[in-house]
PDB file of N, CA and C in Angstrom:
ATOM      1  N   MET A   1       0.851  -1.181   0.000  1.00  0.00           N
ATOM      2  CA  MET A   1       0.000   0.000   0.000  1.00  0.00           C
ATOM      3  C   MET A   1       0.895   1.242   0.000  1.00  0.00           C
ATOM      4  N   ARG A   2       0.699   2.100  -0.968  1.00  0.00           N
ATOM      5  CA  ARG A   2       1.516   3.302  -1.030  1.00  0.00           C
ATOM      6  C   ARG A   2       0.736   4.494  -0.492  1.00  0.00           C
ATOM      7  N   LYS A   3       1.455   5.526  -0.199  1.00  0.00           N
ATOM      8  CA  LYS A   3       0.852   6.726   0.366  1.00  0.00           C
ATOM      9  C   LYS A   3       0.059   7.467  -0.713  1.00  0.00           C
ATOM     10  N   LEU A   4      -1.112   7.971  -0.324  1.00  0.00           N
ATOM     11  CA  LEU A   4      -1.949   8.717  -1.262  1.00  0.00           C
ATOM     12  C   LEU A   4      -1.393  10.122  -1.477  1.00  0.00           C
ATOM     13  N   SER A   5      -1.530  10.604  -2.692  1.00  0.00           N
ATOM     14  CA  SER A   5      -1.152  11.982  -2.980  1.00  0.00           C
ATOM     15  C   SER A   5      -2.183  12.905  -2.320  1.00  0.00           C
ATOM     16  N   TYR A   6      -1.848  14.178  -2.252  1.00  0.00           N
ATOM     17  CA  TYR A   6      -2.783  15.147  -1.671  1.00  0.00           C
ATOM     18  C   TYR A   6      -4.102  15.128  -2.436  1.00  0.00           C
ATOM     19  N   LYS A   7      -3.995  15.094  -3.763  1.00  0.00           N
ATOM     20  CA  LYS A   7      -5.196  15.093  -4.610  1.00  0.00           C
ATOM     21  C   LYS A   7      -6.060  13.865  -4.313  1.00  0.00           C
ATOM     22  N   ASP A   8      -5.435  12.704  -4.208  1.00  0.00           N
ATOM     23  CA  ASP A   8      -6.182  11.474  -3.923  1.00  0.00           C
ATOM     24  C   ASP A   8      -6.814  11.515  -2.532  1.00  0.00           C
ATOM     25  N   LYS A   9      -6.062  12.033  -1.546  1.00  0.00           N
ATOM     26  CA  LYS A   9      -6.614  12.152  -0.189  1.00  0.00           C
ATOM     27  C   LYS A   9      -7.843  13.045  -0.190  1.00  0.00           C
ATOM     28  N   ARG A  10      -7.722  14.151  -0.875  1.00  0.00           N
ATOM     29  CA  ARG A  10      -8.833  15.116  -0.952  1.00  0.00           C
ATOM     30  C   ARG A  10     -10.036  14.466  -1.626  1.00  0.00           C
ATOM     31  N   GLU A  11      -9.798  13.776  -2.712  1.00  0.00           N
ATOM     32  CA  GLU A  11     -10.885  13.092  -3.416  1.00  0.00           C
ATOM     33  C   GLU A  11     -11.543  12.057  -2.506  1.00  0.00           C
ATOM     34  N   LEU A  12     -10.745  11.307  -1.780  1.00  0.00           N
ATOM     35  CA  LEU A  12     -11.256  10.290  -0.866  1.00  0.00           C
ATOM     36  C   LEU A  12     -12.101  10.918   0.242  1.00  0.00           C
ATOM     37  N   GLU A  13     -11.705  12.094   0.704  1.00  0.00           N
ATOM     38  CA  GLU A  13     -12.476  12.799   1.731  1.00  0.00           C
ATOM     39  C   GLU A  13     -13.821  13.281   1.196  1.00  0.00           C
ATOM     40  N   LEU A  14     -13.859  13.675  -0.070  1.00  0.00           N
ATOM     41  CA  LEU A  14     -15.073  14.241  -0.655  1.00  0.00           C
ATOM     42  C   LEU A  14     -16.047  13.190  -1.187  1.00  0.00           C
ATOM     43  N   LEU A  15     -15.545  12.019  -1.500  1.00  0.00           N
ATOM     44  CA  LEU A  15     -16.395  10.992  -2.115  1.00  0.00           C
ATOM     45  C   LEU A  15     -17.628  10.605  -1.295  1.00  0.00           C
ATOM     46  N   PRO A  16     -17.531  10.402   0.016  1.00  0.00           N
ATOM     47  CA  PRO A  16     -18.738  10.019   0.757  1.00  0.00           C
ATOM     48  C   PRO A  16     -19.885  11.025   0.610  1.00  0.00           C
ATOM     49  N   ALA A  17     -19.576  12.310   0.648  1.00  0.00           N
ATOM     50  CA  ALA A  17     -20.614  13.331   0.491  1.00  0.00           C
ATOM     51  C   ALA A  17     -21.178  13.315  -0.928  1.00  0.00           C
ATOM     52  N   GLN A  18     -20.315  13.110  -1.907  1.00  0.00           N
ATOM     53  CA  GLN A  18     -20.777  13.041  -3.298  1.00  0.00           C
ATOM     54  C   GLN A  18     -21.683  11.833  -3.497  1.00  0.00           C
ATOM     55  N   ILE A  19     -21.284  10.699  -2.940  1.00  0.00           N
ATOM     56  CA  ILE A  19     -22.089   9.484  -3.060  1.00  0.00           C
ATOM     57  C   ILE A  19     -23.431   9.679  -2.373  1.00  0.00           C
ATOM     58  N   ASP A  20     -23.408  10.295  -1.202  1.00  0.00           N
ATOM     59  CA  ASP A  20     -24.648  10.549  -0.469  1.00  0.00           C
ATOM     60  C   ASP A  20     -25.603  11.412  -1.297  1.00  0.00           C
ATOM     61  N   ALA A  21     -25.081  12.469  -1.898  1.00  0.00           N
ATOM     62  CA  ALA A  21     -25.912  13.354  -2.721  1.00  0.00           C
ATOM     63  C   ALA A  21     -26.476  12.605  -3.928  1.00  0.00           C
ATOM     64  N   LEU A  22     -25.653  11.793  -4.561  1.00  0.00           N
ATOM     65  CA  LEU A  22     -26.113  11.013  -5.715  1.00  0.00           C
ATOM     66  C   LEU A  22     -27.183  10.006  -5.306  1.00  0.00           C
ATOM     67  N   GLU A  23     -26.990   9.361  -4.165  1.00  0.00           N
ATOM     68  CA  GLU A  23     -27.973   8.381  -3.708  1.00  0.00           C
ATOM     69  C   GLU A  23     -29.290   9.051  -3.321  1.00  0.00           C
ATOM     70  N   ARG A  24     -29.216  10.262  -2.773  1.00  0.00           N
ATOM     71  CA  ARG A  24     -30.458  11.003  -2.475  1.00  0.00           C
ATOM     72  C   ARG A  24     -31.193  11.339  -3.766  1.00  0.00           C
ATOM     73  N   LYS A  25     -30.447  11.777  -4.779  1.00  0.00           N
ATOM     74  CA  LYS A  25     -31.047  12.092  -6.080  1.00  0.00           C
ATOM     75  C   LYS A  25     -31.664  10.836  -6.689  1.00  0.00           C
ATOM     76  N   GLN A  26     -30.961   9.724  -6.576  1.00  0.00           N
ATOM     77  CA  GLN A  26     -31.460   8.450  -7.091  1.00  0.00           C
ATOM     78  C   GLN A  26     -32.773   8.079  -6.394  1.00  0.00           C
ATOM     79  N   ALA A  27     -32.817   8.191  -5.082  1.00  0.00           N
ATOM     80  CA  ALA A  27     -34.027   7.862  -4.324  1.00  0.00           C
ATOM     81  C   ALA A  27     -35.180   8.788  -4.700  1.00  0.00           C
ATOM     82  N   GLU A  28     -34.861  10.053  -4.929  1.00  0.00           N
ATOM     83  CA  GLU A  28     -35.872  11.031  -5.328  1.00  0.00           C
ATOM     84  C   GLU A  28     -36.483  10.648  -6.685  1.00  0.00           C
ATOM     85  N   LEU A  29     -35.634  10.284  -7.628  1.00  0.00           N
ATOM     86  CA  LEU A  29     -36.119   9.900  -8.955  1.00  0.00           C
ATOM     87  C   LEU A  29     -36.943   8.619  -8.899  1.00  0.00           C
ATOM     88  N   VAL A  30     -36.497   7.647  -8.109  1.00  0.00           N
ATOM     89  CA  VAL A  30     -37.237   6.391  -7.964  1.00  0.00           C
ATOM     90  C   VAL A  30     -38.602   6.667  -7.340  1.00  0.00           C
ATOM     91  N   ALA A  31     -38.639   7.547  -6.340  1.00  0.00           N
ATOM     92  CA  ALA A  31     -39.911   7.898  -5.698  1.00  0.00           C
ATOM     93  C   ALA A  31     -40.846   8.575  -6.697  1.00  0.00           C
ATOM     94  N   GLN A  32     -40.292   9.473  -7.505  1.00  0.00           N
ATOM     95  CA  GLN A  32     -41.093  10.142  -8.547  1.00  0.00           C
ATOM     96  C   GLN A  32     -41.705   9.121  -9.488  1.00  0.00           C
ATOM     97  N   MET A  33     -40.874   8.189  -9.921  1.00  0.00           N
ATOM     98  CA  MET A  33     -41.332   7.194 -10.884  1.00  0.00           C
ATOM     99  C   MET A  33     -42.298   6.198 -10.251  1.00  0.00           C
ATOM    100  N   GLY A  34     -42.302   6.117  -8.933  1.00  0.00           N
ATOM    101  CA  GLY A  34     -43.200   5.215  -8.232  1.00  0.00           C
ATOM    102  C   GLY A  34     -44.603   5.772  -8.063  1.00  0.00           C
ATOM    103  N   GLN A  35     -44.766   7.032  -8.360  1.00  0.00           N
ATOM    104  CA  GLN A  35     -46.085   7.657  -8.240  1.00  0.00           C
ATOM    105  C   GLN A  35     -46.928   7.331  -9.471  1.00  0.00           C
ATOM    106  N   PRO A  36     -48.193   6.941  -9.265  1.00  0.00           N
ATOM    107  CA  PRO A  36     -49.053   6.624 -10.414  1.00  0.00           C
ATOM    108  C   PRO A  36     -49.162   7.782 -11.413  1.00  0.00           C
ATOM    109  N   ALA A  37     -49.174   9.000 -10.921  1.00  0.00           N
ATOM    110  CA  ALA A  37     -49.318  10.164 -11.801  1.00  0.00           C
ATOM    111  C   ALA A  37     -48.099  10.355 -12.704  1.00  0.00           C
ATOM    112  N   PHE A  38     -46.974   9.786 -12.321  1.00  0.00           N
ATOM    113  CA  PHE A  38     -45.759   9.950 -13.115  1.00  0.00           C
ATOM    114  C   PHE A  38     -45.979   9.481 -14.549  1.00  0.00           C
ATOM    115  N   TYR A  39     -46.632   8.349 -14.709  1.00  0.00           N
ATOM    116  CA  TYR A  39     -46.806   7.767 -16.042  1.00  0.00           C
ATOM    117  C   TYR A  39     -47.961   8.391 -16.818  1.00  0.00           C
ATOM    118  N   GLN A  40     -48.596   9.389 -16.228  1.00  0.00           N
ATOM    119  CA  GLN A  40     -49.632  10.129 -16.941  1.00  0.00           C
ATOM    120  C   GLN A  40     -49.053  11.389 -17.582  1.00  0.00           C
ATOM    121  N   GLN A  41     -47.770  11.607 -17.377  1.00  0.00           N
ATOM    122  CA  GLN A  41     -47.092  12.750 -17.984  1.00  0.00           C
ATOM    123  C   GLN A  41     -46.723  12.420 -19.430  1.00  0.00           C
ATOM    124  N   SER A  42     -46.203  13.414 -20.119  1.00  0.00           N
ATOM    125  CA  SER A  42     -45.803  13.191 -21.509  1.00  0.00           C
ATOM    126  C   SER A  42     -44.641  12.203 -21.574  1.00  0.00           C
ATOM    127  N   GLY A  43     -44.544  11.543 -22.704  1.00  0.00           N
ATOM    128  CA  GLY A  43     -43.460  10.587 -22.920  1.00  0.00           C
ATOM    129  C   GLY A  43     -42.094  11.234 -22.811  1.00  0.00           C
ATOM    130  N   THR A  44     -42.002  12.487 -23.195  1.00  0.00           N
ATOM    131  CA  THR A  44     -40.736  13.209 -23.121  1.00  0.00           C
ATOM    132  C   THR A  44     -40.268  13.334 -21.674  1.00  0.00           C
ATOM    133  N   VAL A  45     -41.187  13.684 -20.786  1.00  0.00           N
ATOM    134  CA  VAL A  45     -40.850  13.833 -19.363  1.00  0.00           C
ATOM    135  C   VAL A  45     -40.472  12.479 -18.774  1.00  0.00           C
ATOM    136  N   ILE A  46     -41.235  11.451 -19.096  1.00  0.00           N
ATOM    137  CA  ILE A  46     -40.965  10.101 -18.590  1.00  0.00           C
ATOM    138  C   ILE A  46     -39.583   9.637 -19.049  1.00  0.00           C
ATOM    139  N   ASN A  47     -39.312   9.775 -20.337  1.00  0.00           N
ATOM    140  CA  ASN A  47     -38.018   9.338 -20.880  1.00  0.00           C
ATOM    141  C   ASN A  47     -36.855  10.146 -20.311  1.00  0.00           C
ATOM    142  N   SER A  48     -37.071  11.425 -20.122  1.00  0.00           N
ATOM    143  CA  SER A  48     -36.035  12.283 -19.554  1.00  0.00           C
ATOM    144  C   SER A  48     -35.714  11.861 -18.119  1.00  0.00           C
ATOM    145  N   THR A  49     -36.744  11.558 -17.349  1.00  0.00           N
ATOM    146  CA  THR A  49     -36.543  11.131 -15.960  1.00  0.00           C
ATOM    147  C   THR A  49     -35.848   9.777 -15.909  1.00  0.00           C
ATOM    148  N   LYS A  50     -36.243   8.865 -16.777  1.00  0.00           N
ATOM    149  CA  LYS A  50     -35.587   7.550 -16.831  1.00  0.00           C
ATOM    150  C   LYS A  50     -34.110   7.702 -17.190  1.00  0.00           C
ATOM    151  N   ALA A  51     -33.828   8.562 -18.158  1.00  0.00           N
ATOM    152  CA  ALA A  51     -32.441   8.792 -18.574  1.00  0.00           C
ATOM    153  C   ALA A  51     -31.632   9.407 -17.429  1.00  0.00           C
ATOM    154  N   GLU A  52     -32.239  10.331 -16.703  1.00  0.00           N
ATOM    155  CA  GLU A  52     -31.567  10.949 -15.557  1.00  0.00           C
ATOM    156  C   GLU A  52     -31.270   9.902 -14.488  1.00  0.00           C
ATOM    157  N   LEU A  53     -32.219   9.005 -14.236  1.00  0.00           N
ATOM    158  CA  LEU A  53     -32.010   7.941 -13.255  1.00  0.00           C
ATOM    159  C   LEU A  53     -30.857   7.037 -13.692  1.00  0.00           C
ATOM    160  N   GLU A  54     -30.823   6.666 -14.950  1.00  0.00           N
ATOM    161  CA  GLU A  54     -29.733   5.823 -15.452  1.00  0.00           C
ATOM    162  C   GLU A  54     -28.381   6.523 -15.295  1.00  0.00           C
ATOM    163  N   ARG A  55     -28.348   7.814 -15.580  1.00  0.00           N
ATOM    164  CA  ARG A  55     -27.110   8.593 -15.450  1.00  0.00           C
ATOM    165  C   ARG A  55     -26.649   8.614 -13.996  1.00  0.00           C
ATOM    166  N   VAL A  56     -27.589   8.864 -13.083  1.00  0.00           N
ATOM    167  CA  VAL A  56     -27.254   8.927 -11.660  1.00  0.00           C
ATOM    168  C   VAL A  56     -26.782   7.564 -11.162  1.00  0.00           C
ATOM    169  N   GLU A  57     -27.450   6.495 -11.598  1.00  0.00           N
ATOM    170  CA  GLU A  57     -27.041   5.143 -11.189  1.00  0.00           C
ATOM    171  C   GLU A  57     -25.611   4.846 -11.643  1.00  0.00           C
ATOM    172  N   LYS A  58     -25.269   5.264 -12.857  1.00  0.00           N
ATOM    173  CA  LYS A  58     -23.904   5.065 -13.360  1.00  0.00           C
ATOM    174  C   LYS A  58     -22.902   5.879 -12.543  1.00  0.00           C
ATOM    175  N   GLU A  59     -23.276   7.114 -12.203  1.00  0.00           N
ATOM    176  CA  GLU A  59     -22.389   7.959 -11.403  1.00  0.00           C
ATOM    177  C   GLU A  59     -22.156   7.365 -10.021  1.00  0.00           C
ATOM    178  N   VAL A  60     -23.215   6.799  -9.426  1.00  0.00           N
ATOM    179  CA  VAL A  60     -23.080   6.154  -8.113  1.00  0.00           C
ATOM    180  C   VAL A  60     -22.101   4.985  -8.220  1.00  0.00           C
ATOM    181  N   ALA A  61     -22.285   4.161  -9.231  1.00  0.00           N
ATOM    182  CA  ALA A  61     -21.410   2.998  -9.415  1.00  0.00           C
ATOM    183  C   ALA A  61     -19.960   3.433  -9.624  1.00  0.00           C
ATOM    184  N   LEU A  62     -19.751   4.454 -10.440  1.00  0.00           N
ATOM    185  CA  LEU A  62     -18.392   4.946 -10.686  1.00  0.00           C
ATOM    186  C   LEU A  62     -17.774   5.544  -9.428  1.00  0.00           C
ATOM    187  N   ALA A  63     -18.581   6.242  -8.644  1.00  0.00           N
ATOM    188  CA  ALA A  63     -18.073   6.843  -7.408  1.00  0.00           C
ATOM    189  C   ALA A  63     -17.642   5.760  -6.421  1.00  0.00           C
ATOM    190  N   TYR A  64     -18.459   4.705  -6.289  1.00  0.00           N
ATOM    191  CA  TYR A  64     -18.077   3.598  -5.403  1.00  0.00           C
ATOM    192  C   TYR A  64     -16.818   2.897  -5.916  1.00  0.00           C
ATOM    193  N   GLN A  65     -16.731   2.739  -7.227  1.00  0.00           N
ATOM    194  CA  GLN A  65     -15.550   2.106  -7.820  1.00  0.00           C
ATOM    195  C   GLN A  65     -14.300   2.936  -7.524  1.00  0.00           C
ATOM    196  N   ARG A  66     -14.416   4.239  -7.691  1.00  0.00           N
ATOM    197  CA  ARG A  66     -13.277   5.127  -7.435  1.00  0.00           C
ATOM    198  C   ARG A  66     -12.891   5.095  -5.959  1.00  0.00           C
ATOM    199  N   TRP A  67     -13.900   5.066  -5.082  1.00  0.00           N
ATOM    200  CA  TRP A  67     -13.645   5.010  -3.646  1.00  0.00           C
ATOM    201  C   TRP A  67     -12.850   3.744  -3.314  1.00  0.00           C
ATOM    202  N   ASN A  68     -13.284   2.622  -3.891  1.00  0.00           N
ATOM    203  CA  ASN A  68     -12.566   1.361  -3.664  1.00  0.00           C
ATOM    204  C   ASN A  68     -11.129   1.439  -4.168  1.00  0.00           C
ATOM    205  N   GLU A  69     -10.943   2.044  -5.341  1.00  0.00           N
ATOM    206  CA  GLU A  69      -9.593   2.190  -5.896  1.00  0.00           C
ATOM    207  C   GLU A  69      -8.699   2.996  -4.958  1.00  0.00           C
ATOM    208  N   LEU A  70      -9.234   4.087  -4.435  1.00  0.00           N
ATOM    209  CA  LEU A  70      -8.445   4.932  -3.545  1.00  0.00           C
ATOM    210  C   LEU A  70      -8.171   4.236  -2.214  1.00  0.00           C
ATOM    211  N   GLU A  71      -9.138   3.496  -1.723  1.00  0.00           N
ATOM    212  CA  GLU A  71      -8.965   2.771  -0.457  1.00  0.00           C
ATOM    213  C   GLU A  71      -7.888   1.694  -0.582  1.00  0.00           C
ATOM    214  N   GLU A  72      -7.755   1.120  -1.778  1.00  0.00           N
ATOM    215  CA  GLU A  72      -6.801   0.036  -1.993  1.00  0.00           C
ATOM    216  C   GLU A  72      -5.377   0.533  -2.219  1.00  0.00           C
ATOM    217  N   LYS A  73      -5.211   1.831  -2.481  1.00  0.00           N
ATOM    218  CA  LYS A  73      -3.870   2.389  -2.735  1.00  0.00           C
ATOM    219  C   LYS A  73      -3.039   2.345  -1.481  1.00  0.00           C
TER     220      LYS A  73
END
């Protein structure tokens, strides 16, 4: 295990808050999509929300992956 650079240490310190914010956004989008009225909106809004959820899910996965990489250094 080698010593983390200042940049890596800083990133490691900030990641938990970033992950928390992303997970809150993810939960918010899932809750929106869980409402019956959600699917009564236009297809554009539905597709946009689904795309946003997919983007957030990918960001969460990448953030956890990066956190693991930094923890293993």
